[in-house]
Amino acid sequence: QALMPFVGYLLGSQFQSAITAVDHWIAFILLGIIGINMI
């Protein structure tokens, strides 16, 4: 659980500047999908 967010952070950092305008939507969608799957 500590390793995987670090890997995700490294991946996300590569694309951060390209999608800064929609990053909040990406966070919302990803957390929403994860949450819905858990439910």
Full PDB file with SEQRES, HELIX, SHEET, SSBOND, CRYST1, ORIGX, SCALE, CONECT and MASTER records, all heavy atoms in Angstrom:
SEQRES   1 A   39  GLN ALA LEU MET PRO PHE VAL GLY TYR LEU LEU GLY SER          
SEQRES   2 A   39  GLN PHE GLN SER ALA ILE THR ALA VAL ASP HIS TRP ILE          
SEQRES   3 A   39  ALA PHE ILE LEU LEU GLY ILE ILE GLY ILE ASN MET ILE          
HELIX    1 AA1 LEU A    3  PHE A   15  1                                  13    
HELIX    2 AA2 THR A   20  VAL A   22  5                                   3    
HELIX    3 AA3 ASP A   23  MET A   38  1                                  16    
CRYST1    1.000    1.000    1.000  90.00  90.00  90.00 P 1           1          
ORIGX1      1.000000  0.000000  0.000000        0.00000                         
ORIGX2      0.000000  1.000000  0.000000        0.00000                         
ORIGX3      0.000000  0.000000  1.000000        0.00000                         
SCALE1      1.000000  0.000000  0.000000        0.00000                         
SCALE2      0.000000  1.000000  0.000000        0.00000                         
SCALE3      0.000000  0.000000  1.000000        0.00000                         
ATOM      1  N   GLN A   1       0.836  -1.205   0.000  1.00  0.00           N  
ATOM      2  CA  GLN A   1       0.000   0.000   0.000  1.00  0.00           C  
ATOM      3  C   GLN A   1       0.868   1.252   0.000  1.00  0.00           C  
ATOM      4  O   GLN A   1       0.412   2.317  -0.390  1.00  0.00           O  
ATOM      5  CB  GLN A   1      -0.941   0.024   1.205  1.00  0.00           C  
ATOM      6  CG  GLN A   1      -2.104  -0.906   1.088  1.00  0.00           C  
ATOM      7  CD  GLN A   1      -3.181  -0.443   0.116  1.00  0.00           C  
ATOM      8  OE1 GLN A   1      -2.960   0.366  -0.773  1.00  0.00           O  
ATOM      9  NE2 GLN A   1      -4.364  -0.989   0.286  1.00  0.00           N  
ATOM     10  N   ALA A   2       2.105   1.160   0.449  1.00  0.00           N  
ATOM     11  CA  ALA A   2       3.036   2.290   0.367  1.00  0.00           C  
ATOM     12  C   ALA A   2       3.737   2.324  -0.990  1.00  0.00           C  
ATOM     13  O   ALA A   2       3.950   3.401  -1.555  1.00  0.00           O  
ATOM     14  CB  ALA A   2       4.071   2.201   1.492  1.00  0.00           C  
ATOM     15  N   LEU A   3       4.088   1.149  -1.516  1.00  0.00           N  
ATOM     16  CA  LEU A   3       4.815   1.076  -2.784  1.00  0.00           C  
ATOM     17  C   LEU A   3       3.955   1.520  -3.972  1.00  0.00           C  
ATOM     18  O   LEU A   3       4.417   2.283  -4.826  1.00  0.00           O  
ATOM     19  CB  LEU A   3       5.316  -0.353  -3.016  1.00  0.00           C  
ATOM     20  CG  LEU A   3       6.007  -0.612  -4.352  1.00  0.00           C  
ATOM     21  CD1 LEU A   3       7.309   0.172  -4.449  1.00  0.00           C  
ATOM     22  CD2 LEU A   3       6.267  -2.108  -4.524  1.00  0.00           C  
ATOM     23  N   MET A   4       2.727   1.058  -4.030  1.00  0.00           N  
ATOM     24  CA  MET A   4       1.894   1.324  -5.209  1.00  0.00           C  
ATOM     25  C   MET A   4       1.586   2.812  -5.420  1.00  0.00           C  
ATOM     26  O   MET A   4       1.664   3.284  -6.558  1.00  0.00           O  
ATOM     27  CB  MET A   4       0.619   0.496  -5.160  1.00  0.00           C  
ATOM     28  CG  MET A   4       0.888  -1.006  -5.261  1.00  0.00           C  
ATOM     29  SD  MET A   4       1.692  -1.474  -6.794  1.00  0.00           S  
ATOM     30  CE  MET A   4       0.316  -2.182  -7.642  1.00  0.00           C  
ATOM     31  N   PRO A   5       1.258   3.590  -4.383  1.00  0.00           N  
ATOM     32  CA  PRO A   5       1.053   5.025  -4.646  1.00  0.00           C  
ATOM     33  C   PRO A   5       2.335   5.723  -5.097  1.00  0.00           C  
ATOM     34  O   PRO A   5       2.288   6.674  -5.866  1.00  0.00           O  
ATOM     35  CB  PRO A   5       0.575   5.603  -3.311  1.00  0.00           C  
ATOM     36  CG  PRO A   5       0.305   4.477  -2.430  1.00  0.00           C  
ATOM     37  CD  PRO A   5       0.919   3.250  -3.020  1.00  0.00           C  
ATOM     38  N   PHE A   6       3.471   5.228  -4.640  1.00  0.00           N  
ATOM     39  CA  PHE A   6       4.741   5.802  -5.082  1.00  0.00           C  
ATOM     40  C   PHE A   6       4.938   5.562  -6.573  1.00  0.00           C  
ATOM     41  O   PHE A   6       5.321   6.476  -7.318  1.00  0.00           O  
ATOM     42  CB  PHE A   6       5.903   5.224  -4.274  1.00  0.00           C  
ATOM     43  CG  PHE A   6       7.227   5.811  -4.652  1.00  0.00           C  
ATOM     44  CD1 PHE A   6       7.518   7.135  -4.365  1.00  0.00           C  
ATOM     45  CD2 PHE A   6       8.176   5.045  -5.298  1.00  0.00           C  
ATOM     46  CE1 PHE A   6       8.739   7.695  -4.718  1.00  0.00           C  
ATOM     47  CE2 PHE A   6       9.400   5.588  -5.662  1.00  0.00           C  
ATOM     48  CZ  PHE A   6       9.687   6.913  -5.376  1.00  0.00           C  
ATOM     49  N   VAL A   7       4.663   4.341  -7.018  1.00  0.00           N  
ATOM     50  CA  VAL A   7       4.766   4.025  -8.444  1.00  0.00           C  
ATOM     51  C   VAL A   7       3.780   4.885  -9.240  1.00  0.00           C  
ATOM     52  O   VAL A   7       4.126   5.456 -10.277  1.00  0.00           O  
ATOM     53  CB  VAL A   7       4.526   2.517  -8.702  1.00  0.00           C  
ATOM     54  CG1 VAL A   7       4.415   2.218 -10.182  1.00  0.00           C  
ATOM     55  CG2 VAL A   7       5.631   1.689  -8.063  1.00  0.00           C  
ATOM     56  N   GLY A   8       2.540   4.996  -8.731  1.00  0.00           N  
ATOM     57  CA  GLY A   8       1.540   5.838  -9.387  1.00  0.00           C  
ATOM     58  C   GLY A   8       1.966   7.294  -9.436  1.00  0.00           C  
ATOM     59  O   GLY A   8       1.774   7.982 -10.443  1.00  0.00           O  
ATOM     60  N   TYR A   9       2.575   7.764  -8.373  1.00  0.00           N  
ATOM     61  CA  TYR A   9       3.070   9.145  -8.308  1.00  0.00           C  
ATOM     62  C   TYR A   9       4.137   9.374  -9.372  1.00  0.00           C  
ATOM     63  O   TYR A   9       4.121  10.394 -10.066  1.00  0.00           O  
ATOM     64  CB  TYR A   9       3.627   9.415  -6.909  1.00  0.00           C  
ATOM     65  CG  TYR A   9       4.163  10.812  -6.721  1.00  0.00           C  
ATOM     66  CD1 TYR A   9       3.317  11.848  -6.360  1.00  0.00           C  
ATOM     67  CD2 TYR A   9       5.511  11.091  -6.889  1.00  0.00           C  
ATOM     68  CE1 TYR A   9       3.805  13.134  -6.180  1.00  0.00           C  
ATOM     69  CE2 TYR A   9       6.007  12.363  -6.707  1.00  0.00           C  
ATOM     70  CZ  TYR A   9       5.149  13.387  -6.351  1.00  0.00           C  
ATOM     71  OH  TYR A   9       5.637  14.650  -6.177  1.00  0.00           O  
ATOM     72  N   LEU A  10       5.060   8.420  -9.492  1.00  0.00           N  
ATOM     73  CA  LEU A  10       6.102   8.554 -10.508  1.00  0.00           C  
ATOM     74  C   LEU A  10       5.507   8.590 -11.913  1.00  0.00           C  
ATOM     75  O   LEU A  10       5.927   9.395 -12.749  1.00  0.00           O  
ATOM     76  CB  LEU A  10       7.120   7.410 -10.396  1.00  0.00           C  
ATOM     77  CG  LEU A  10       7.981   7.410  -9.140  1.00  0.00           C  
ATOM     78  CD1 LEU A  10       8.881   6.166  -9.108  1.00  0.00           C  
ATOM     79  CD2 LEU A  10       8.812   8.672  -9.024  1.00  0.00           C  
ATOM     80  N   LEU A  11       4.527   7.727 -12.157  1.00  0.00           N  
ATOM     81  CA  LEU A  11       3.854   7.731 -13.464  1.00  0.00           C  
ATOM     82  C   LEU A  11       3.094   9.039 -13.693  1.00  0.00           C  
ATOM     83  O   LEU A  11       3.180   9.636 -14.760  1.00  0.00           O  
ATOM     84  CB  LEU A  11       2.890   6.547 -13.566  1.00  0.00           C  
ATOM     85  CG  LEU A  11       3.513   5.164 -13.627  1.00  0.00           C  
ATOM     86  CD1 LEU A  11       2.439   4.091 -13.517  1.00  0.00           C  
ATOM     87  CD2 LEU A  11       4.311   5.001 -14.905  1.00  0.00           C  
ATOM     88  N   GLY A  12       2.341   9.465 -12.691  1.00  0.00           N  
ATOM     89  CA  GLY A  12       1.558  10.688 -12.811  1.00  0.00           C  
ATOM     90  C   GLY A  12       2.412  11.926 -12.981  1.00  0.00           C  
ATOM     91  O   GLY A  12       2.028  12.871 -13.684  1.00  0.00           O  
ATOM     92  N   SER A  13       3.578  11.934 -12.361  1.00  0.00           N  
ATOM     93  CA  SER A  13       4.479  13.088 -12.471  1.00  0.00           C  
ATOM     94  C   SER A  13       4.947  13.302 -13.904  1.00  0.00           C  
ATOM     95  O   SER A  13       5.235  14.425 -14.314  1.00  0.00           O  
ATOM     96  CB  SER A  13       5.700  12.891 -11.564  1.00  0.00           C  
ATOM     97  OG  SER A  13       5.305  12.884 -10.225  1.00  0.00           O  
ATOM     98  N   GLN A  14       5.020  12.234 -14.670  1.00  0.00           N  
ATOM     99  CA  GLN A  14       5.447  12.331 -16.065  1.00  0.00           C  
ATOM    100  C   GLN A  14       4.433  13.086 -16.922  1.00  0.00           C  
ATOM    101  O   GLN A  14       4.785  13.672 -17.931  1.00  0.00           O  
ATOM    102  CB  GLN A  14       5.660  10.929 -16.652  1.00  0.00           C  
ATOM    103  CG  GLN A  14       6.683  10.101 -15.920  1.00  0.00           C  
ATOM    104  CD  GLN A  14       8.055  10.747 -15.916  1.00  0.00           C  
ATOM    105  OE1 GLN A  14       8.539  11.231 -16.932  1.00  0.00           O  
ATOM    106  NE2 GLN A  14       8.686  10.775 -14.755  1.00  0.00           N  
ATOM    107  N   PHE A  15       3.170  13.047 -16.520  1.00  0.00           N  
ATOM    108  CA  PHE A  15       2.096  13.638 -17.323  1.00  0.00           C  
ATOM    109  C   PHE A  15       1.468  14.872 -16.670  1.00  0.00           C  
ATOM    110  O   PHE A  15       0.556  15.454 -17.230  1.00  0.00           O  
ATOM    111  CB  PHE A  15       0.996  12.601 -17.566  1.00  0.00           C  
ATOM    112  CG  PHE A  15       1.511  11.348 -18.176  1.00  0.00           C  
ATOM    113  CD1 PHE A  15       1.649  10.194 -17.417  1.00  0.00           C  
ATOM    114  CD2 PHE A  15       1.887  11.305 -19.513  1.00  0.00           C  
ATOM    115  CE1 PHE A  15       2.138   9.030 -17.971  1.00  0.00           C  
ATOM    116  CE2 PHE A  15       2.376  10.147 -20.075  1.00  0.00           C  
ATOM    117  CZ  PHE A  15       2.500   9.005 -19.306  1.00  0.00           C  
ATOM    118  N   GLN A  16       1.953  15.251 -15.515  1.00  0.00           N  
ATOM    119  CA  GLN A  16       1.336  16.325 -14.738  1.00  0.00           C  
ATOM    120  C   GLN A  16       1.206  17.627 -15.519  1.00  0.00           C  
ATOM    121  O   GLN A  16       0.138  18.227 -15.562  1.00  0.00           O  
ATOM    122  CB  GLN A  16       2.134  16.557 -13.457  1.00  0.00           C  
ATOM    123  CG  GLN A  16       1.585  17.677 -12.613  1.00  0.00           C  
ATOM    124  CD  GLN A  16       2.503  17.987 -11.441  1.00  0.00           C  
ATOM    125  OE1 GLN A  16       3.567  17.402 -11.299  1.00  0.00           O  
ATOM    126  NE2 GLN A  16       2.077  18.906 -10.618  1.00  0.00           N  
ATOM    127  N   SER A  17       2.257  18.074 -16.148  1.00  0.00           N  
ATOM    128  CA  SER A  17       2.213  19.376 -16.831  1.00  0.00           C  
ATOM    129  C   SER A  17       1.264  19.363 -18.022  1.00  0.00           C  
ATOM    130  O   SER A  17       0.676  20.383 -18.360  1.00  0.00           O  
ATOM    131  CB  SER A  17       3.616  19.784 -17.272  1.00  0.00           C  
ATOM    132  OG  SER A  17       4.131  18.831 -18.184  1.00  0.00           O  
ATOM    133  N   ALA A  18       1.098  18.198 -18.630  1.00  0.00           N  
ATOM    134  CA  ALA A  18       0.244  18.108 -19.820  1.00  0.00           C  
ATOM    135  C   ALA A  18      -1.246  18.168 -19.482  1.00  0.00           C  
ATOM    136  O   ALA A  18      -2.053  18.573 -20.322  1.00  0.00           O  
ATOM    137  CB  ALA A  18       0.547  16.823 -20.580  1.00  0.00           C  
ATOM    138  N   ILE A  19      -1.619  17.800 -18.271  1.00  0.00           N  
ATOM    139  CA  ILE A  19      -3.058  17.724 -17.955  1.00  0.00           C  
ATOM    140  C   ILE A  19      -3.437  18.465 -16.673  1.00  0.00           C  
ATOM    141  O   ILE A  19      -4.451  18.144 -16.050  1.00  0.00           O  
ATOM    142  CB  ILE A  19      -3.520  16.255 -17.885  1.00  0.00           C  
ATOM    143  CG1 ILE A  19      -2.665  15.465 -16.941  1.00  0.00           C  
ATOM    144  CG2 ILE A  19      -3.544  15.615 -19.232  1.00  0.00           C  
ATOM    145  CD1 ILE A  19      -3.106  14.031 -16.791  1.00  0.00           C  
ATOM    146  N   THR A  20      -2.686  19.481 -16.313  1.00  0.00           N  
ATOM    147  CA  THR A  20      -2.971  20.239 -15.105  1.00  0.00           C  
ATOM    148  C   THR A  20      -4.381  20.830 -15.116  1.00  0.00           C  
ATOM    149  O   THR A  20      -5.030  20.893 -14.075  1.00  0.00           O  
ATOM    150  CB  THR A  20      -1.933  21.366 -14.924  1.00  0.00           C  
ATOM    151  OG1 THR A  20      -0.640  20.768 -14.856  1.00  0.00           O  
ATOM    152  CG2 THR A  20      -2.197  22.172 -13.682  1.00  0.00           C  
ATOM    153  N   ALA A  21      -4.878  21.227 -16.256  1.00  0.00           N  
ATOM    154  CA  ALA A  21      -6.203  21.856 -16.337  1.00  0.00           C  
ATOM    155  C   ALA A  21      -7.337  20.909 -15.968  1.00  0.00           C  
ATOM    156  O   ALA A  21      -8.407  21.351 -15.557  1.00  0.00           O  
ATOM    157  CB  ALA A  21      -6.428  22.411 -17.746  1.00  0.00           C  
ATOM    158  N   VAL A  22      -7.118  19.606 -16.101  1.00  0.00           N  
ATOM    159  CA  VAL A  22      -8.189  18.641 -15.811  1.00  0.00           C  
ATOM    160  C   VAL A  22      -7.816  17.662 -14.700  1.00  0.00           C  
ATOM    161  O   VAL A  22      -8.501  16.659 -14.506  1.00  0.00           O  
ATOM    162  CB  VAL A  22      -8.592  17.853 -17.086  1.00  0.00           C  
ATOM    163  CG1 VAL A  22      -9.232  18.773 -18.109  1.00  0.00           C  
ATOM    164  CG2 VAL A  22      -7.405  17.113 -17.661  1.00  0.00           C  
ATOM    165  N   ASP A  23      -6.757  17.964 -13.939  1.00  0.00           N  
ATOM    166  CA  ASP A  23      -6.303  17.019 -12.931  1.00  0.00           C  
ATOM    167  C   ASP A  23      -7.357  16.716 -11.865  1.00  0.00           C  
ATOM    168  O   ASP A  23      -7.473  15.592 -11.395  1.00  0.00           O  
ATOM    169  CB  ASP A  23      -4.994  17.486 -12.288  1.00  0.00           C  
ATOM    170  CG  ASP A  23      -5.120  18.835 -11.598  1.00  0.00           C  
ATOM    171  OD1 ASP A  23      -6.201  19.460 -11.642  1.00  0.00           O  
ATOM    172  OD2 ASP A  23      -4.108  19.278 -11.038  1.00  0.00           O  
ATOM    173  N   HIS A  24      -8.162  17.710 -11.506  1.00  0.00           N  
ATOM    174  CA  HIS A  24      -9.203  17.494 -10.499  1.00  0.00           C  
ATOM    175  C   HIS A  24     -10.278  16.534 -11.012  1.00  0.00           C  
ATOM    176  O   HIS A  24     -10.832  15.743 -10.256  1.00  0.00           O  
ATOM    177  CB  HIS A  24      -9.808  18.820 -10.040  1.00  0.00           C  
ATOM    178  CG  HIS A  24     -10.253  19.695 -11.158  1.00  0.00           C  
ATOM    179  ND1 HIS A  24      -9.372  20.435 -11.913  1.00  0.00           N  
ATOM    180  CD2 HIS A  24     -11.484  19.935 -11.659  1.00  0.00           C  
ATOM    181  CE1 HIS A  24     -10.046  21.102 -12.833  1.00  0.00           C  
ATOM    182  NE2 HIS A  24     -11.323  20.817 -12.710  1.00  0.00           N  
ATOM    183  N   TRP A  25     -10.562  16.586 -12.299  1.00  0.00           N  
ATOM    184  CA  TRP A  25     -11.526  15.650 -12.894  1.00  0.00           C  
ATOM    185  C   TRP A  25     -10.951  14.237 -12.901  1.00  0.00           C  
ATOM    186  O   TRP A  25     -11.666  13.268 -12.639  1.00  0.00           O  
ATOM    187  CB  TRP A  25     -11.890  16.078 -14.329  1.00  0.00           C  
ATOM    188  CG  TRP A  25     -12.858  17.216 -14.341  1.00  0.00           C  
ATOM    189  CD1 TRP A  25     -12.582  18.533 -14.585  1.00  0.00           C  
ATOM    190  CD2 TRP A  25     -14.267  17.142 -14.084  1.00  0.00           C  
ATOM    191  NE1 TRP A  25     -13.719  19.278 -14.495  1.00  0.00           N  
ATOM    192  CE2 TRP A  25     -14.777  18.448 -14.190  1.00  0.00           C  
ATOM    193  CE3 TRP A  25     -15.142  16.105 -13.767  1.00  0.00           C  
ATOM    194  CZ2 TRP A  25     -16.120  18.743 -13.996  1.00  0.00           C  
ATOM    195  CZ3 TRP A  25     -16.474  16.401 -13.577  1.00  0.00           C  
ATOM    196  CH2 TRP A  25     -16.953  17.700 -13.680  1.00  0.00           C  
ATOM    197  N   ILE A  26      -9.664  14.125 -13.193  1.00  0.00           N  
ATOM    198  CA  ILE A  26      -9.020  12.812 -13.192  1.00  0.00           C  
ATOM    199  C   ILE A  26      -9.047  12.221 -11.788  1.00  0.00           C  
ATOM    200  O   ILE A  26      -9.388  11.046 -11.601  1.00  0.00           O  
ATOM    201  CB  ILE A  26      -7.577  12.904 -13.744  1.00  0.00           C  
ATOM    202  CG1 ILE A  26      -7.609  13.258 -15.228  1.00  0.00           C  
ATOM    203  CG2 ILE A  26      -6.816  11.599 -13.502  1.00  0.00           C  
ATOM    204  CD1 ILE A  26      -6.260  13.607 -15.814  1.00  0.00           C  
ATOM    205  N   ALA A  27      -8.715  13.032 -10.784  1.00  0.00           N  
ATOM    206  CA  ALA A  27      -8.755  12.563  -9.395  1.00  0.00           C  
ATOM    207  C   ALA A  27     -10.162  12.120  -9.022  1.00  0.00           C  
ATOM    208  O   ALA A  27     -10.362  11.059  -8.421  1.00  0.00           O  
ATOM    209  CB  ALA A  27      -8.270  13.667  -8.456  1.00  0.00           C  
ATOM    210  N   PHE A  28     -11.152  12.930  -9.383  1.00  0.00           N  
ATOM    211  CA  PHE A  28     -12.553  12.604  -9.093  1.00  0.00           C  
ATOM    212  C   PHE A  28     -12.963  11.284  -9.756  1.00  0.00           C  
ATOM    213  O   PHE A  28     -13.556  10.400  -9.118  1.00  0.00           O  
ATOM    214  CB  PHE A  28     -13.462  13.745  -9.561  1.00  0.00           C  
ATOM    215  CG  PHE A  28     -14.924  13.427  -9.515  1.00  0.00           C  
ATOM    216  CD1 PHE A  28     -15.581  13.293  -8.309  1.00  0.00           C  
ATOM    217  CD2 PHE A  28     -15.641  13.260 -10.686  1.00  0.00           C  
ATOM    218  CE1 PHE A  28     -16.940  12.996  -8.260  1.00  0.00           C  
ATOM    219  CE2 PHE A  28     -16.995  12.967 -10.652  1.00  0.00           C  
ATOM    220  CZ  PHE A  28     -17.648  12.842  -9.436  1.00  0.00           C  
ATOM    221  N   ILE A  29     -12.626  11.130 -11.023  1.00  0.00           N  
ATOM    222  CA  ILE A  29     -13.014   9.918 -11.763  1.00  0.00           C  
ATOM    223  C   ILE A  29     -12.305   8.686 -11.204  1.00  0.00           C  
ATOM    224  O   ILE A  29     -12.938   7.649 -10.968  1.00  0.00           O  
ATOM    225  CB  ILE A  29     -12.751  10.095 -13.273  1.00  0.00           C  
ATOM    226  CG1 ILE A  29     -13.749  11.124 -13.845  1.00  0.00           C  
ATOM    227  CG2 ILE A  29     -12.848   8.772 -14.017  1.00  0.00           C  
ATOM    228  CD1 ILE A  29     -13.410  11.606 -15.247  1.00  0.00           C  
ATOM    229  N   LEU A  30     -10.989   8.783 -10.981  1.00  0.00           N  
ATOM    230  CA  LEU A  30     -10.251   7.629 -10.465  1.00  0.00           C  
ATOM    231  C   LEU A  30     -10.752   7.221  -9.078  1.00  0.00           C  
ATOM    232  O   LEU A  30     -11.011   6.039  -8.827  1.00  0.00           O  
ATOM    233  CB  LEU A  30      -8.748   7.920 -10.415  1.00  0.00           C  
ATOM    234  CG  LEU A  30      -8.017   7.966 -11.748  1.00  0.00           C  
ATOM    235  CD1 LEU A  30      -6.570   8.394 -11.551  1.00  0.00           C  
ATOM    236  CD2 LEU A  30      -8.075   6.614 -12.439  1.00  0.00           C  
ATOM    237  N   LEU A  31     -10.892   8.176  -8.170  1.00  0.00           N  
ATOM    238  CA  LEU A  31     -11.380   7.845  -6.825  1.00  0.00           C  
ATOM    239  C   LEU A  31     -12.818   7.332  -6.878  1.00  0.00           C  
ATOM    240  O   LEU A  31     -13.188   6.417  -6.130  1.00  0.00           O  
ATOM    241  CB  LEU A  31     -11.262   9.056  -5.891  1.00  0.00           C  
ATOM    242  CG  LEU A  31      -9.842   9.459  -5.525  1.00  0.00           C  
ATOM    243  CD1 LEU A  31      -9.835  10.769  -4.752  1.00  0.00           C  
ATOM    244  CD2 LEU A  31      -9.143   8.364  -4.737  1.00  0.00           C  
ATOM    245  N   GLY A  32     -13.619   7.895  -7.777  1.00  0.00           N  
ATOM    246  CA  GLY A  32     -14.997   7.428  -7.939  1.00  0.00           C  
ATOM    247  C   GLY A  32     -15.072   5.996  -8.424  1.00  0.00           C  
ATOM    248  O   GLY A  32     -15.838   5.177  -7.903  1.00  0.00           O  
ATOM    249  N   ILE A  33     -14.257   5.666  -9.410  1.00  0.00           N  
ATOM    250  CA  ILE A  33     -14.240   4.293  -9.943  1.00  0.00           C  
ATOM    251  C   ILE A  33     -13.788   3.306  -8.871  1.00  0.00           C  
ATOM    252  O   ILE A  33     -14.387   2.245  -8.684  1.00  0.00           O  
ATOM    253  CB  ILE A  33     -13.349   4.207 -11.196  1.00  0.00           C  
ATOM    254  CG1 ILE A  33     -14.015   4.931 -12.369  1.00  0.00           C  
ATOM    255  CG2 ILE A  33     -13.050   2.748 -11.565  1.00  0.00           C  
ATOM    256  CD1 ILE A  33     -13.107   5.112 -13.574  1.00  0.00           C  
ATOM    257  N   ILE A  34     -12.724   3.664  -8.166  1.00  0.00           N  
ATOM    258  CA  ILE A  34     -12.235   2.788  -7.097  1.00  0.00           C  
ATOM    259  C   ILE A  34     -13.316   2.602  -6.036  1.00  0.00           C  
ATOM    260  O   ILE A  34     -13.589   1.483  -5.586  1.00  0.00           O  
ATOM    261  CB  ILE A  34     -10.951   3.368  -6.465  1.00  0.00           C  
ATOM    262  CG1 ILE A  34      -9.815   3.387  -7.476  1.00  0.00           C  
ATOM    263  CG2 ILE A  34     -10.546   2.563  -5.228  1.00  0.00           C  
ATOM    264  CD1 ILE A  34      -8.650   4.245  -7.059  1.00  0.00           C  
ATOM    265  N   GLY A  35     -13.943   3.702  -5.636  1.00  0.00           N  
ATOM    266  CA  GLY A  35     -14.990   3.639  -4.619  1.00  0.00           C  
ATOM    267  C   GLY A  35     -16.178   2.803  -5.056  1.00  0.00           C  
ATOM    268  O   GLY A  35     -16.700   1.977  -4.287  1.00  0.00           O  
ATOM    269  N   ILE A  36     -16.619   2.995  -6.285  1.00  0.00           N  
ATOM    270  CA  ILE A  36     -17.756   2.220  -6.807  1.00  0.00           C  
ATOM    271  C   ILE A  36     -17.414   0.733  -6.855  1.00  0.00           C  
ATOM    272  O   ILE A  36     -18.237  -0.119  -6.491  1.00  0.00           O  
ATOM    273  CB  ILE A  36     -18.180   2.752  -8.195  1.00  0.00           C  
ATOM    274  CG1 ILE A  36     -18.863   4.112  -8.028  1.00  0.00           C  
ATOM    275  CG2 ILE A  36     -19.108   1.768  -8.906  1.00  0.00           C  
ATOM    276  CD1 ILE A  36     -19.068   4.877  -9.323  1.00  0.00           C  
ATOM    277  N   ASN A  37     -16.184   0.407  -7.274  1.00  0.00           N  
ATOM    278  CA  ASN A  37     -15.778  -1.005  -7.289  1.00  0.00           C  
ATOM    279  C   ASN A  37     -15.776  -1.600  -5.889  1.00  0.00           C  
ATOM    280  O   ASN A  37     -16.189  -2.744  -5.695  1.00  0.00           O  
ATOM    281  CB  ASN A  37     -14.403  -1.174  -7.940  1.00  0.00           C  
ATOM    282  CG  ASN A  37     -14.474  -1.089  -9.445  1.00  0.00           C  
ATOM    283  OD1 ASN A  37     -15.499  -1.366 -10.047  1.00  0.00           O  
ATOM    284  ND2 ASN A  37     -13.377  -0.697 -10.054  1.00  0.00           N  
ATOM    285  N   MET A  38     -15.319  -0.833  -4.911  1.00  0.00           N  
ATOM    286  CA  MET A  38     -15.318  -1.333  -3.540  1.00  0.00           C  
ATOM    287  C   MET A  38     -16.743  -1.553  -3.039  1.00  0.00           C  
ATOM    288  O   MET A  38     -17.026  -2.546  -2.369  1.00  0.00           O  
ATOM    289  CB  MET A  38     -14.553  -0.385  -2.619  1.00  0.00           C  
ATOM    290  CG  MET A  38     -13.056  -0.433  -2.819  1.00  0.00           C  
ATOM    291  SD  MET A  38     -12.161   0.713  -1.754  1.00  0.00           S  
ATOM    292  CE  MET A  38     -12.294  -0.129  -0.185  1.00  0.00           C  
ATOM    293  N   ILE A  39     -17.637  -0.620  -3.367  1.00  0.00           N  
ATOM    294  CA  ILE A  39     -19.037  -0.779  -2.955  1.00  0.00           C  
ATOM    295  C   ILE A  39     -19.642  -2.000  -3.628  1.00  0.00           C  
ATOM    296  O   ILE A  39     -20.342  -2.798  -2.984  1.00  0.00           O  
ATOM    297  CB  ILE A  39     -19.834   0.501  -3.265  1.00  0.00           C  
ATOM    298  CG1 ILE A  39     -19.367   1.644  -2.347  1.00  0.00           C  
ATOM    299  CG2 ILE A  39     -21.338   0.251  -3.110  1.00  0.00           C  
ATOM    300  CD1 ILE A  39     -19.895   3.007  -2.724  1.00  0.00           C  
TER     301      ILE A  39                                                      
MASTER        0    0    0    3    0    0    0    6  300    1    0    3          
END                                                                             
